[in-house]
PDB file of N, CA and C in Angstrom:
ATOM      1  N   MET A   1      72.579 127.914  46.312  1.00  0.00           N
ATOM      2  CA  MET A   1      71.659 127.632  45.232  1.00  0.00           C
ATOM      3  C   MET A   1      71.723 126.146  44.931  1.00  0.00           C
ATOM      4  N   LYS A   2      70.607 125.508  44.834  1.00  0.00           N
ATOM      5  CA  LYS A   2      70.564 124.090  44.500  1.00  0.00           C
ATOM      6  C   LYS A   2      70.383 123.931  43.001  1.00  0.00           C
ATOM      7  N   THR A   3      71.164 122.998  42.446  1.00  0.00           N
ATOM      8  CA  THR A   3      71.115 122.715  41.025  1.00  0.00           C
ATOM      9  C   THR A   3      71.189 121.215  40.829  1.00  0.00           C
ATOM     10  N   VAL A   4      70.376 120.690  39.962  1.00  0.00           N
ATOM     11  CA  VAL A   4      70.406 119.265  39.657  1.00  0.00           C
ATOM     12  C   VAL A   4      71.235 119.080  38.392  1.00  0.00           C
ATOM     13  N   ILE A   5      72.302 118.269  38.518  1.00  0.00           N
ATOM     14  CA  ILE A   5      73.154 118.002  37.357  1.00  0.00           C
ATOM     15  C   ILE A   5      73.520 116.522  37.325  1.00  0.00           C
ATOM     16  N   ASP A   6      73.863 116.044  36.141  1.00  0.00           N
ATOM     17  CA  ASP A   6      74.307 114.667  35.945  1.00  0.00           C
ATOM     18  C   ASP A   6      75.830 114.675  36.030  1.00  0.00           C
ATOM     19  N   LEU A   7      76.388 113.947  37.003  1.00  0.00           N
ATOM     20  CA  LEU A   7      77.828 113.927  37.220  1.00  0.00           C
ATOM     21  C   LEU A   7      78.435 112.603  36.806  1.00  0.00           C
ATOM     22  N   ASP A   8      79.665 112.657  36.339  1.00  0.00           N
ATOM     23  CA  ASP A   8      80.440 111.453  36.047  1.00  0.00           C
ATOM     24  C   ASP A   8      80.961 110.939  37.388  1.00  0.00           C
ATOM     25  N   ASP A   9      80.423 109.813  37.864  1.00  0.00           N
ATOM     26  CA  ASP A   9      80.777 109.290  39.183  1.00  0.00           C
ATOM     27  C   ASP A   9      82.257 108.946  39.312  1.00  0.00           C
ATOM     28  N   GLU A  10      82.852 108.383  38.250  1.00  0.00           N
ATOM     29  CA  GLU A  10      84.278 108.047  38.298  1.00  0.00           C
ATOM     30  C   GLU A  10      85.131 109.304  38.418  1.00  0.00           C
ATOM     31  N   LEU A  11      84.792 110.309  37.641  1.00  0.00           N
ATOM     32  CA  LEU A  11      85.538 111.565  37.677  1.00  0.00           C
ATOM     33  C   LEU A  11      85.385 112.255  39.027  1.00  0.00           C
ATOM     34  N   LEU A  12      84.196 112.233  39.563  1.00  0.00           N
ATOM     35  CA  LEU A  12      83.944 112.817  40.878  1.00  0.00           C
ATOM     36  C   LEU A  12      84.756 112.096  41.954  1.00  0.00           C
ATOM     37  N   GLU A  13      84.825 110.782  41.879  1.00  0.00           N
ATOM     38  CA  GLU A  13      85.598 110.001  42.857  1.00  0.00           C
ATOM     39  C   GLU A  13      87.091 110.295  42.731  1.00  0.00           C
ATOM     40  N   GLN A  14      87.588 110.418  41.510  1.00  0.00           N
ATOM     41  CA  GLN A  14      89.004 110.765  41.311  1.00  0.00           C
ATOM     42  C   GLN A  14      89.304 112.134  41.909  1.00  0.00           C
ATOM     43  N   ALA A  15      88.421 113.089  41.673  1.00  0.00           N
ATOM     44  CA  ALA A  15      88.592 114.434  42.223  1.00  0.00           C
ATOM     45  C   ALA A  15      88.541 114.398  43.753  1.00  0.00           C
ATOM     46  N   ARG A  16      87.618 113.616  44.311  1.00  0.00           N
ATOM     47  CA  ARG A  16      87.497 113.510  45.768  1.00  0.00           C
ATOM     48  C   ARG A  16      88.787 112.980  46.375  1.00  0.00           C
ATOM     49  N   GLN A  17      89.350 111.937  45.767  1.00  0.00           N
ATOM     50  CA  GLN A  17      90.604 111.366  46.273  1.00  0.00           C
ATOM     51  C   GLN A  17      91.748 112.367  46.159  1.00  0.00           C
ATOM     52  N   GLU A  18      91.835 113.037  45.040  1.00  0.00           N
ATOM     53  CA  GLU A  18      92.913 114.009  44.815  1.00  0.00           C
ATOM     54  C   GLU A  18      92.815 115.190  45.774  1.00  0.00           C
ATOM     55  N   LEU A  19      91.597 115.651  46.017  1.00  0.00           N
ATOM     56  CA  LEU A  19      91.386 116.817  46.867  1.00  0.00           C
ATOM     57  C   LEU A  19      91.305 116.469  48.350  1.00  0.00           C
ATOM     58  N   GLY A  20      91.107 115.186  48.651  1.00  0.00           N
ATOM     59  CA  GLY A  20      91.000 114.759  50.043  1.00  0.00           C
ATOM     60  C   GLY A  20      89.704 115.179  50.704  1.00  0.00           C
ATOM     61  N   THR A  21      88.652 115.293  49.919  1.00  0.00           N
ATOM     62  CA  THR A  21      87.359 115.705  50.449  1.00  0.00           C
ATOM     63  C   THR A  21      86.514 114.473  50.786  1.00  0.00           C
ATOM     64  N   LYS A  22      85.464 114.710  51.562  1.00  0.00           N
ATOM     65  CA  LYS A  22      84.617 113.600  52.015  1.00  0.00           C
ATOM     66  C   LYS A  22      83.312 113.471  51.230  1.00  0.00           C
ATOM     67  N   SER A  23      82.682 114.591  50.938  1.00  0.00           N
ATOM     68  CA  SER A  23      81.356 114.544  50.312  1.00  0.00           C
ATOM     69  C   SER A  23      81.394 115.069  48.877  1.00  0.00           C
ATOM     70  N   LYS A  24      80.325 114.780  48.146  1.00  0.00           N
ATOM     71  CA  LYS A  24      80.207 115.303  46.779  1.00  0.00           C
ATOM     72  C   LYS A  24      80.221 116.823  46.801  1.00  0.00           C
ATOM     73  N   LYS A  25      79.467 117.405  47.722  1.00  0.00           N
ATOM     74  CA  LYS A  25      79.382 118.866  47.819  1.00  0.00           C
ATOM     75  C   LYS A  25      80.753 119.469  48.092  1.00  0.00           C
ATOM     76  N   ASP A  26      81.480 118.901  49.059  1.00  0.00           N
ATOM     77  CA  ASP A  26      82.813 119.419  49.381  1.00  0.00           C
ATOM     78  C   ASP A  26      83.761 119.284  48.188  1.00  0.00           C
ATOM     79  N   THR A  27      83.659 118.159  47.480  1.00  0.00           N
ATOM     80  CA  THR A  27      84.513 117.926  46.313  1.00  0.00           C
ATOM     81  C   THR A  27      84.244 118.946  45.221  1.00  0.00           C
ATOM     82  N   ILE A  28      82.992 119.172  44.934  1.00  0.00           N
ATOM     83  CA  ILE A  28      82.633 120.125  43.878  1.00  0.00           C
ATOM     84  C   ILE A  28      83.055 121.539  44.267  1.00  0.00           C
ATOM     85  N   HIS A  29      82.826 121.925  45.512  1.00  0.00           N
ATOM     86  CA  HIS A  29      83.230 123.261  45.959  1.00  0.00           C
ATOM     87  C   HIS A  29      84.753 123.418  45.898  1.00  0.00           C
ATOM     88  N   ALA A  30      85.494 122.405  46.324  1.00  0.00           N
ATOM     89  CA  ALA A  30      86.961 122.479  46.293  1.00  0.00           C
ATOM     90  C   ALA A  30      87.467 122.573  44.853  1.00  0.00           C
ATOM     91  N   ALA A  31      86.864 121.805  43.957  1.00  0.00           N
ATOM     92  CA  ALA A  31      87.270 121.838  42.550  1.00  0.00           C
ATOM     93  C   ALA A  31      86.959 123.198  41.927  1.00  0.00           C
ATOM     94  N   LEU A  32      85.801 123.741  42.220  1.00  0.00           N
ATOM     95  CA  LEU A  32      85.440 125.066  41.701  1.00  0.00           C
ATOM     96  C   LEU A  32      86.383 126.137  42.242  1.00  0.00           C
ATOM     97  N   ARG A  33      86.713 126.040  43.529  1.00  0.00           N
ATOM     98  CA  ARG A  33      87.636 126.997  44.151  1.00  0.00           C
ATOM     99  C   ARG A  33      89.016 126.911  43.488  1.00  0.00           C
ATOM    100  N   LEU A  34      89.487 125.690  43.241  1.00  0.00           N
ATOM    101  CA  LEU A  34      90.783 125.477  42.616  1.00  0.00           C
ATOM    102  C   LEU A  34      90.844 126.145  41.243  1.00  0.00           C
ATOM    103  N   VAL A  35      89.808 125.966  40.462  1.00  0.00           N
ATOM    104  CA  VAL A  35      89.751 126.570  39.129  1.00  0.00           C
ATOM    105  C   VAL A  35      89.629 128.088  39.227  1.00  0.00           C
ATOM    106  N   ALA A  36      88.786 128.570  40.135  1.00  0.00           N
ATOM    107  CA  ALA A  36      88.556 130.011  40.267  1.00  0.00           C
ATOM    108  C   ALA A  36      89.831 130.747  40.697  1.00  0.00           C
ATOM    109  N   GLU A  37      90.688 130.084  41.483  1.00  0.00           N
ATOM    110  CA  GLU A  37      91.910 130.724  41.986  1.00  0.00           C
ATOM    111  C   GLU A  37      93.115 130.497  41.081  1.00  0.00           C
ATOM    112  N   ARG A  38      92.926 129.758  40.000  1.00  0.00           N
ATOM    113  CA  ARG A  38      94.034 129.387  39.114  1.00  0.00           C
ATOM    114  C   ARG A  38      94.781 130.592  38.554  1.00  0.00           C
ATOM    115  N   SER A  39      94.088 131.579  38.068  1.00  0.00           N
ATOM    116  CA  SER A  39      94.761 132.726  37.454  1.00  0.00           C
ATOM    117  C   SER A  39      95.609 133.485  38.469  1.00  0.00           C
ATOM    118  N   ALA A  40      95.155 133.575  39.712  1.00  0.00           N
ATOM    119  CA  ALA A  40      95.949 134.250  40.746  1.00  0.00           C
ATOM    120  C   ALA A  40      97.243 133.478  41.020  1.00  0.00           C
ATOM    121  N   ARG A  41      97.164 132.149  41.046  1.00  0.00           N
ATOM    122  CA  ARG A  41      98.373 131.333  41.262  1.00  0.00           C
ATOM    123  C   ARG A  41      99.337 131.487  40.087  1.00  0.00           C
ATOM    124  N   LEU A  42      98.813 131.465  38.871  1.00  0.00           N
ATOM    125  CA  LEU A  42      99.669 131.630  37.695  1.00  0.00           C
ATOM    126  C   LEU A  42     100.358 132.989  37.696  1.00  0.00           C
ATOM    127  N   GLU A  43      99.643 134.019  38.067  1.00  0.00           N
ATOM    128  CA  GLU A  43     100.231 135.364  38.126  1.00  0.00           C
ATOM    129  C   GLU A  43     101.334 135.426  39.178  1.00  0.00           C
ATOM    130  N   ALA A  44     101.123 134.785  40.323  1.00  0.00           N
ATOM    131  CA  ALA A  44     102.150 134.760  41.372  1.00  0.00           C
ATOM    132  C   ALA A  44     103.412 134.051  40.879  1.00  0.00           C
ATOM    133  N   VAL A  45     103.251 132.963  40.149  1.00  0.00           N
ATOM    134  CA  VAL A  45     104.397 132.247  39.597  1.00  0.00           C
ATOM    135  C   VAL A  45     105.118 133.128  38.581  1.00  0.00           C
ATOM    136  N   ARG A  46     104.370 133.799  37.732  1.00  0.00           N
ATOM    137  CA  ARG A  46     104.989 134.705  36.748  1.00  0.00           C
ATOM    138  C   ARG A  46     105.804 135.799  37.440  1.00  0.00           C
ATOM    139  N   GLU A  47     105.250 136.361  38.509  1.00  0.00           N
ATOM    140  CA  GLU A  47     105.968 137.402  39.245  1.00  0.00           C
ATOM    141  C   GLU A  47     107.261 136.856  39.856  1.00  0.00           C
ATOM    142  N   LEU A  48     107.202 135.668  40.419  1.00  0.00           N
ATOM    143  CA  LEU A  48     108.409 135.064  40.990  1.00  0.00           C
ATOM    144  C   LEU A  48     109.450 134.785  39.914  1.00  0.00           C
ATOM    145  N   MET A  49     109.000 134.276  38.773  1.00  0.00           N
ATOM    146  CA  MET A  49     109.939 133.960  37.693  1.00  0.00           C
ATOM    147  C   MET A  49     110.561 135.208  37.090  1.00  0.00           C
ATOM    148  N   ALA A  50     109.905 136.339  37.223  1.00  0.00           N
ATOM    149  CA  ALA A  50     110.423 137.591  36.674  1.00  0.00           C
ATOM    150  C   ALA A  50     111.528 138.184  37.539  1.00  0.00           C
ATOM    151  N   ILE A  51     111.675 137.692  38.763  1.00  0.00           N
ATOM    152  CA  ILE A  51     112.716 138.200  39.659  1.00  0.00           C
ATOM    153  C   ILE A  51     114.058 137.700  39.159  1.00  0.00           C
ATOM    154  N   ASP A  52     114.993 138.629  38.957  1.00  0.00           N
ATOM    155  CA  ASP A  52     116.327 138.293  38.477  1.00  0.00           C
ATOM    156  C   ASP A  52     117.152 137.777  39.652  1.00  0.00           C
ATOM    157  N   ARG A  53     117.157 136.465  39.800  1.00  0.00           N
ATOM    158  CA  ARG A  53     117.830 135.856  40.941  1.00  0.00           C
ATOM    159  C   ARG A  53     118.215 134.428  40.600  1.00  0.00           C
ATOM    160  N   ASP A  54     119.290 133.951  41.210  1.00  0.00           N
ATOM    161  CA  ASP A  54     119.676 132.555  41.078  1.00  0.00           C
ATOM    162  C   ASP A  54     118.873 131.767  42.103  1.00  0.00           C
ATOM    163  N   TRP A  55     117.929 130.955  41.642  1.00  0.00           N
ATOM    164  CA  TRP A  55     117.030 130.221  42.525  1.00  0.00           C
ATOM    165  C   TRP A  55     117.619 128.888  42.980  1.00  0.00           C
ATOM    166  N   THR A  56     118.840 128.569  42.560  1.00  0.00           N
ATOM    167  CA  THR A  56     119.482 127.316  42.935  1.00  0.00           C
ATOM    168  C   THR A  56     119.578 127.199  44.452  1.00  0.00           C
ATOM    169  N   ASP A  57     119.203 126.057  44.964  1.00  0.00           N
ATOM    170  CA  ASP A  57     119.284 125.734  46.392  1.00  0.00           C
ATOM    171  C   ASP A  57     118.387 126.579  47.293  1.00  0.00           C
ATOM    172  N   ILE A  58     117.416 127.288  46.732  1.00  0.00           N
ATOM    173  CA  ILE A  58     116.490 128.073  47.551  1.00  0.00           C
ATOM    174  C   ILE A  58     115.569 127.150  48.342  1.00  0.00           C
ATOM    175  N   VAL A  59     115.098 126.091  47.690  1.00  0.00           N
ATOM    176  CA  VAL A  59     114.210 125.143  48.356  1.00  0.00           C
ATOM    177  C   VAL A  59     114.998 123.874  48.629  1.00  0.00           C
ATOM    178  N   ASP A  60     115.174 123.547  49.901  1.00  0.00           N
ATOM    179  CA  ASP A  60     115.855 122.313  50.278  1.00  0.00           C
ATOM    180  C   ASP A  60     114.935 121.130  50.036  1.00  0.00           C
ATOM    181  N   ASP A  61     115.535 119.963  49.782  1.00  0.00           N
ATOM    182  CA  ASP A  61     114.734 118.765  49.538  1.00  0.00           C
ATOM    183  C   ASP A  61     113.779 118.471  50.682  1.00  0.00           C
ATOM    184  N   ASP A  62     114.207 118.724  51.918  1.00  0.00           N
ATOM    185  CA  ASP A  62     113.344 118.395  53.045  1.00  0.00           C
ATOM    186  C   ASP A  62     112.180 119.369  53.197  1.00  0.00           C
ATOM    187  N   LYS A  63     112.189 120.460  52.459  1.00  0.00           N
ATOM    188  CA  LYS A  63     111.088 121.422  52.516  1.00  0.00           C
ATOM    189  C   LYS A  63     110.131 121.264  51.330  1.00  0.00           C
ATOM    190  N   THR A  64     110.487 120.402  50.396  1.00  0.00           N
ATOM    191  CA  THR A  64     109.639 120.183  49.241  1.00  0.00           C
ATOM    192  C   THR A  64     108.443 119.337  49.654  1.00  0.00           C
ATOM    193  N   PRO A  65     107.218 119.789  49.339  1.00  0.00           N
ATOM    194  CA  PRO A  65     106.026 119.005  49.732  1.00  0.00           C
ATOM    195  C   PRO A  65     106.058 117.609  49.139  1.00  0.00           C
ATOM    196  N   ALA A  66     105.708 116.644  49.943  1.00  0.00           N
ATOM    197  CA  ALA A  66     105.641 115.258  49.472  1.00  0.00           C
ATOM    198  C   ALA A  66     104.366 115.060  48.680  1.00  0.00           C
ATOM    199  N   VAL A  67     104.442 114.250  47.648  1.00  0.00           N
ATOM    200  CA  VAL A  67     103.262 113.923  46.847  1.00  0.00           C
ATOM    201  C   VAL A  67     102.447 112.913  47.618  1.00  0.00           C
ATOM    202  N   ARG A  68     101.150 113.225  47.815  1.00  0.00           N
ATOM    203  CA  ARG A  68     100.276 112.327  48.548  1.00  0.00           C
ATOM    204  C   ARG A  68      99.836 111.188  47.628  1.00  0.00           C
ATOM    205  N   ARG A  69     100.080 109.996  48.065  1.00  0.00           N
ATOM    206  CA  ARG A  69      99.685 108.814  47.273  1.00  0.00           C
ATOM    207  C   ARG A  69      98.742 107.980  48.111  1.00  0.00           C
ATOM    208  N   ASP A  70      97.464 108.053  47.801  1.00  0.00           N
ATOM    209  CA  ASP A  70      96.463 107.263  48.520  1.00  0.00           C
ATOM    210  C   ASP A  70      96.430 105.846  47.968  1.00  0.00           C
ATOM    211  N   ALA A  71      96.245 104.909  48.854  1.00  0.00           N
ATOM    212  CA  ALA A  71      96.103 103.519  48.423  1.00  0.00           C
ATOM    213  C   ALA A  71      94.752 103.350  47.738  1.00  0.00           C
ATOM    214  N   ALA A  72      94.768 102.677  46.619  1.00  0.00           N
ATOM    215  CA  ALA A  72      93.510 102.487  45.864  1.00  0.00           C
ATOM    216  C   ALA A  72      92.717 101.349  46.426  1.00  0.00           C
TER     217      ALA A  72
END
């Protein structure tokens, strides 16, 4: 469906950089997908936190995802 909307160009560019997308369409779709899937991710985290377990040392430092820092 095509829709004409007025977008904040700075905000769109920030989202594009954060999401690693190339086009406006891809950026908007990725952002919508991220929001739409948010409740499922939160529920998964709640389920994991409800497990009675010592989580110490479960994730090694070398397995922790690195934060992507794009050059401005």
